[in-house]
């Protein structure tokens, strides 16, 4: 039976678990309340969905929506990168040998996706996240948006929105809000 937890973590804390100390590190982005648990003594990172060895976690698909989920996720990756290099024990996929190597790959991946989203805006003019999602490949196989199932299309559009919102926060794009949705455009060159 599902029940609410009796204790909530607040911020980064050290937890005594049996004979070991785990560093609980708040890593919002995939979800607002996500934590990873680092065991530096045994060189382990219980990474949950934050650092996955072969896929990237979905970003921006939470209810209620988080403000700047991609910015939070990238900041959380930086926190994990500042830890010692640890073996990754993920929620999905195989054990991976290096948290540093995988975090670096994830940071590079998202910067590349930001570049692709900005290029889409530059070619389209004003566009919605849904429009831009059509211009991007999805999954490790670069599947076209129209070949995704409806649920995956929704996730792709929300993740694209997270990338576009970060471009706006960085001053590289603009957002115009209307009752019909959000129209994004590349910011004028500086």
Protein backbone atom coordinates (compact mmCIF):
# COMPACT_ATOMS: atom_id res chain seq x y z
CA UNK A 1 0.00 0.00 0.00
CA UNK A 2 1.29 3.47 -0.89
CA UNK A 3 1.75 5.99 1.93
CA UNK A 4 3.34 9.38 2.40
CA UNK A 5 6.86 9.32 3.83
CA UNK A 6 7.23 10.06 7.53
CA UNK A 7 10.36 12.17 6.95
CA UNK A 8 11.21 14.57 4.12
CA UNK A 9 14.77 15.50 3.20
CA UNK A 10 15.55 19.19 2.98
CA UNK A 11 18.66 20.12 1.03
CA UNK A 12 21.86 18.11 1.03
CA UNK A 13 22.30 15.95 4.14
CA UNK A 14 24.44 13.08 5.41
CA UNK A 15 22.49 9.96 6.37
CA UNK A 16 23.66 7.07 8.54
CA UNK A 17 22.44 3.85 6.91
CA UNK A 18 23.60 0.71 8.63
CA UNK A 19 27.37 0.90 8.83
CA UNK A 20 27.79 3.52 6.09
CA UNK A 21 27.26 7.23 5.63
CA UNK A 22 25.45 8.30 2.48
CA UNK A 23 25.52 11.87 1.23
CA UNK A 24 21.98 12.68 0.10
CA UNK A 25 22.38 15.27 -2.65
CA UNK A 26 19.29 17.14 -3.85
CA UNK A 27 19.29 16.92 -7.65
CA UNK A 28 16.14 18.54 -9.07
CA UNK A 29 15.59 18.62 -12.81
CA UNK A 30 14.17 15.25 -13.79
CA UNK A 31 11.73 15.74 -10.92
CA UNK A 32 11.66 18.54 -8.33
CA UNK A 33 12.38 16.30 -5.32
CA UNK A 34 14.98 14.00 -6.84
CA UNK A 35 17.99 12.92 -4.76
CA UNK A 36 21.12 10.92 -5.46
CA UNK A 37 22.97 9.14 -2.68
CA UNK A 38 26.76 9.16 -2.74
CA UNK A 39 28.84 6.66 -0.81
CA UNK A 40 32.37 8.05 -1.22
CA UNK A 41 33.91 5.38 1.04
CA UNK A 42 32.80 2.60 -1.33
CA UNK A 43 32.99 4.85 -4.43
CA UNK A 44 29.28 4.38 -5.29
CA UNK A 45 26.60 6.72 -6.55
CA UNK A 46 23.01 5.57 -6.13
CA UNK A 47 21.94 7.77 -9.01
CA UNK A 48 18.21 7.11 -9.35
CA UNK A 49 17.03 8.72 -12.59
CA UNK A 50 19.49 11.62 -12.44
CA UNK A 51 22.55 10.05 -14.08
CA UNK A 52 21.56 7.17 -16.33
CA UNK A 53 24.34 5.31 -18.16
CA UNK A 54 22.75 4.86 -21.60
CA UNK A 55 19.79 7.24 -21.82
CA UNK A 56 18.95 10.75 -20.67
CA UNK A 57 16.15 11.26 -18.16
CA UNK A 58 13.08 13.14 -19.29
CA UNK A 59 13.13 16.83 -18.41
CA UNK A 60 10.10 19.09 -18.03
CA UNK A 61 7.43 16.41 -17.71
CA UNK A 62 6.23 16.99 -14.14
CA UNK A 63 2.96 18.09 -12.60
CA UNK A 64 2.89 20.82 -11.59
CA UNK A 65 5.51 22.06 -14.06
CA UNK A 66 8.80 23.16 -12.53
CA UNK A 67 10.36 26.49 -13.40
CA UNK A 68 13.54 26.02 -15.46
CA UNK A 69 13.71 22.21 -15.14
CA UNK A 70 16.61 21.97 -17.59
CA UNK A 71 18.51 24.70 -15.76
CA UNK A 72 17.89 22.81 -12.51
CA UNK A 73 19.00 19.55 -14.11
CA UNK A 74 22.24 21.05 -15.46
CA UNK A 75 22.93 22.62 -12.06
CA UNK A 76 22.32 19.26 -10.41
CA UNK A 77 24.70 17.59 -12.85
CA UNK A 78 27.34 20.14 -11.81
CA UNK A 79 26.76 19.18 -8.15
CA UNK A 80 27.29 15.51 -8.97
CA UNK A 81 30.36 16.35 -11.06
CA UNK A 82 31.85 18.10 -8.00
CA UNK A 83 31.65 14.83 -6.03
CA UNK A 84 34.45 12.28 -6.31
CA UNK A 85 34.29 10.11 -9.44
CA UNK A 86 31.95 7.27 -8.44
CA UNK A 87 30.57 4.07 -9.95
CA UNK A 88 26.96 4.68 -11.03
CA UNK A 89 24.19 2.44 -9.71
CA UNK A 90 21.24 3.79 -11.74
CA UNK A 91 17.49 3.27 -11.54
CA UNK A 92 17.57 2.11 -15.20
CA UNK A 93 20.29 0.43 -17.17
CA UNK A 94 23.63 -1.16 -16.37
CA UNK A 95 26.12 -0.14 -13.73
CA UNK A 96 28.52 2.43 -15.18
CA UNK A 97 32.13 2.97 -14.09
CA UNK A 98 32.42 6.78 -13.96
CA UNK A 99 29.99 9.43 -12.78
CA UNK A 100 32.35 12.12 -14.10
CA UNK A 101 32.48 10.67 -17.61
CA UNK A 102 28.70 10.23 -17.80
CA UNK A 103 27.94 13.69 -16.38
CA UNK A 104 30.29 15.19 -18.97
CA UNK A 105 28.42 13.29 -21.72
CA UNK A 106 25.03 14.50 -20.43
CA UNK A 107 26.21 18.12 -20.25
CA UNK A 108 27.55 17.90 -23.82
CA UNK A 109 24.31 16.26 -24.98
CA UNK A 110 22.11 19.02 -23.58
CA UNK A 111 24.33 21.81 -24.92
CA UNK A 112 24.06 20.15 -28.35
CA UNK A 113 20.26 19.95 -27.99
CA UNK A 114 20.20 23.64 -27.05
CA UNK A 115 22.19 24.42 -30.22
CA UNK A 116 19.75 22.37 -32.32
CA UNK A 117 16.72 24.08 -30.76
CA UNK A 118 18.24 27.51 -31.41
CA UNK A 119 19.01 26.56 -35.01
CA UNK A 120 15.39 25.49 -35.42
CA UNK A 121 14.18 28.85 -34.10
CA UNK A 122 16.53 30.68 -36.46
CA UNK A 123 15.16 28.77 -39.44
CA UNK A 124 11.50 28.98 -38.43
CA UNK A 125 11.20 32.48 -37.01
CA UNK A 126 8.54 32.20 -34.30
CA UNK A 127 7.68 28.65 -33.26
CA UNK A 128 6.11 26.66 -30.46
CA UNK A 129 7.91 23.93 -28.56
CA UNK A 130 5.79 21.46 -30.50
CA UNK A 131 7.06 22.95 -33.78
CA UNK A 132 10.69 22.78 -32.70
CA UNK A 133 10.26 19.21 -31.41
CA UNK A 134 9.44 18.23 -35.01
CA UNK A 135 12.90 19.44 -36.07
CA UNK A 136 14.77 17.27 -33.57
CA UNK A 137 15.54 13.56 -33.52
CA UNK A 138 14.40 11.57 -30.49
CA UNK A 139 15.86 8.70 -28.50
CA UNK A 140 19.30 7.28 -29.13
CA UNK A 141 18.10 6.36 -32.60
CA UNK A 142 17.22 9.94 -33.66
CA UNK A 143 13.63 8.87 -34.31
CA UNK A 144 11.56 11.52 -36.14
CA UNK A 145 8.92 13.17 -33.97
CA UNK A 146 6.05 11.91 -36.16
CA UNK A 147 7.23 8.31 -35.63
CA UNK A 148 6.90 8.58 -31.83
CA UNK A 149 3.75 7.41 -30.05
CA UNK A 150 1.46 10.08 -28.62
CA UNK A 151 2.88 9.80 -25.08
CA UNK A 152 6.47 10.09 -26.33
CA UNK A 153 5.46 13.09 -28.48
CA UNK A 154 4.12 14.81 -25.36
CA UNK A 155 7.35 14.12 -23.50
CA UNK A 156 9.39 15.34 -26.48
CA UNK A 157 7.40 18.58 -26.66
CA UNK A 158 7.79 19.21 -22.91
CA UNK A 159 11.53 18.51 -23.06
CA UNK A 160 11.83 20.86 -26.04
CA UNK A 161 9.99 23.52 -24.04
CA UNK A 162 12.51 23.06 -21.21
CA UNK A 163 15.35 23.66 -23.70
CA UNK A 164 13.63 26.71 -25.20
CA UNK A 165 12.95 28.17 -21.75
CA UNK A 166 16.65 27.81 -20.91
CA UNK A 167 17.56 29.56 -24.16
CA UNK A 168 15.27 32.41 -23.07
CA UNK A 169 16.91 32.50 -19.62
CA UNK A 170 20.32 32.68 -21.31
CA UNK A 171 19.16 35.58 -23.50
CA UNK A 172 19.48 33.57 -26.71
CA UNK A 173 15.74 33.39 -27.42
CA UNK A 174 12.56 35.27 -26.58
CA UNK A 175 9.15 34.00 -25.53
CA UNK A 176 5.80 35.63 -26.27
CA UNK A 177 2.94 34.36 -24.13
CA UNK A 178 -0.65 34.33 -25.42
CA UNK A 179 -3.85 32.45 -24.62
CA UNK A 180 -2.93 30.12 -27.52
CA UNK A 181 0.45 29.17 -26.05
CA UNK A 182 4.05 30.30 -26.10
CA UNK A 183 5.79 31.46 -29.25
CA UNK A 184 9.59 31.34 -29.15
CA UNK A 185 12.01 33.16 -31.42
CA UNK A 186 15.78 33.42 -31.62
CA UNK A 187 17.02 36.61 -29.99
CA UNK A 188 18.60 39.14 -32.34
CA UNK A 189 22.34 38.67 -32.75
CA UNK A 190 24.33 40.80 -30.34
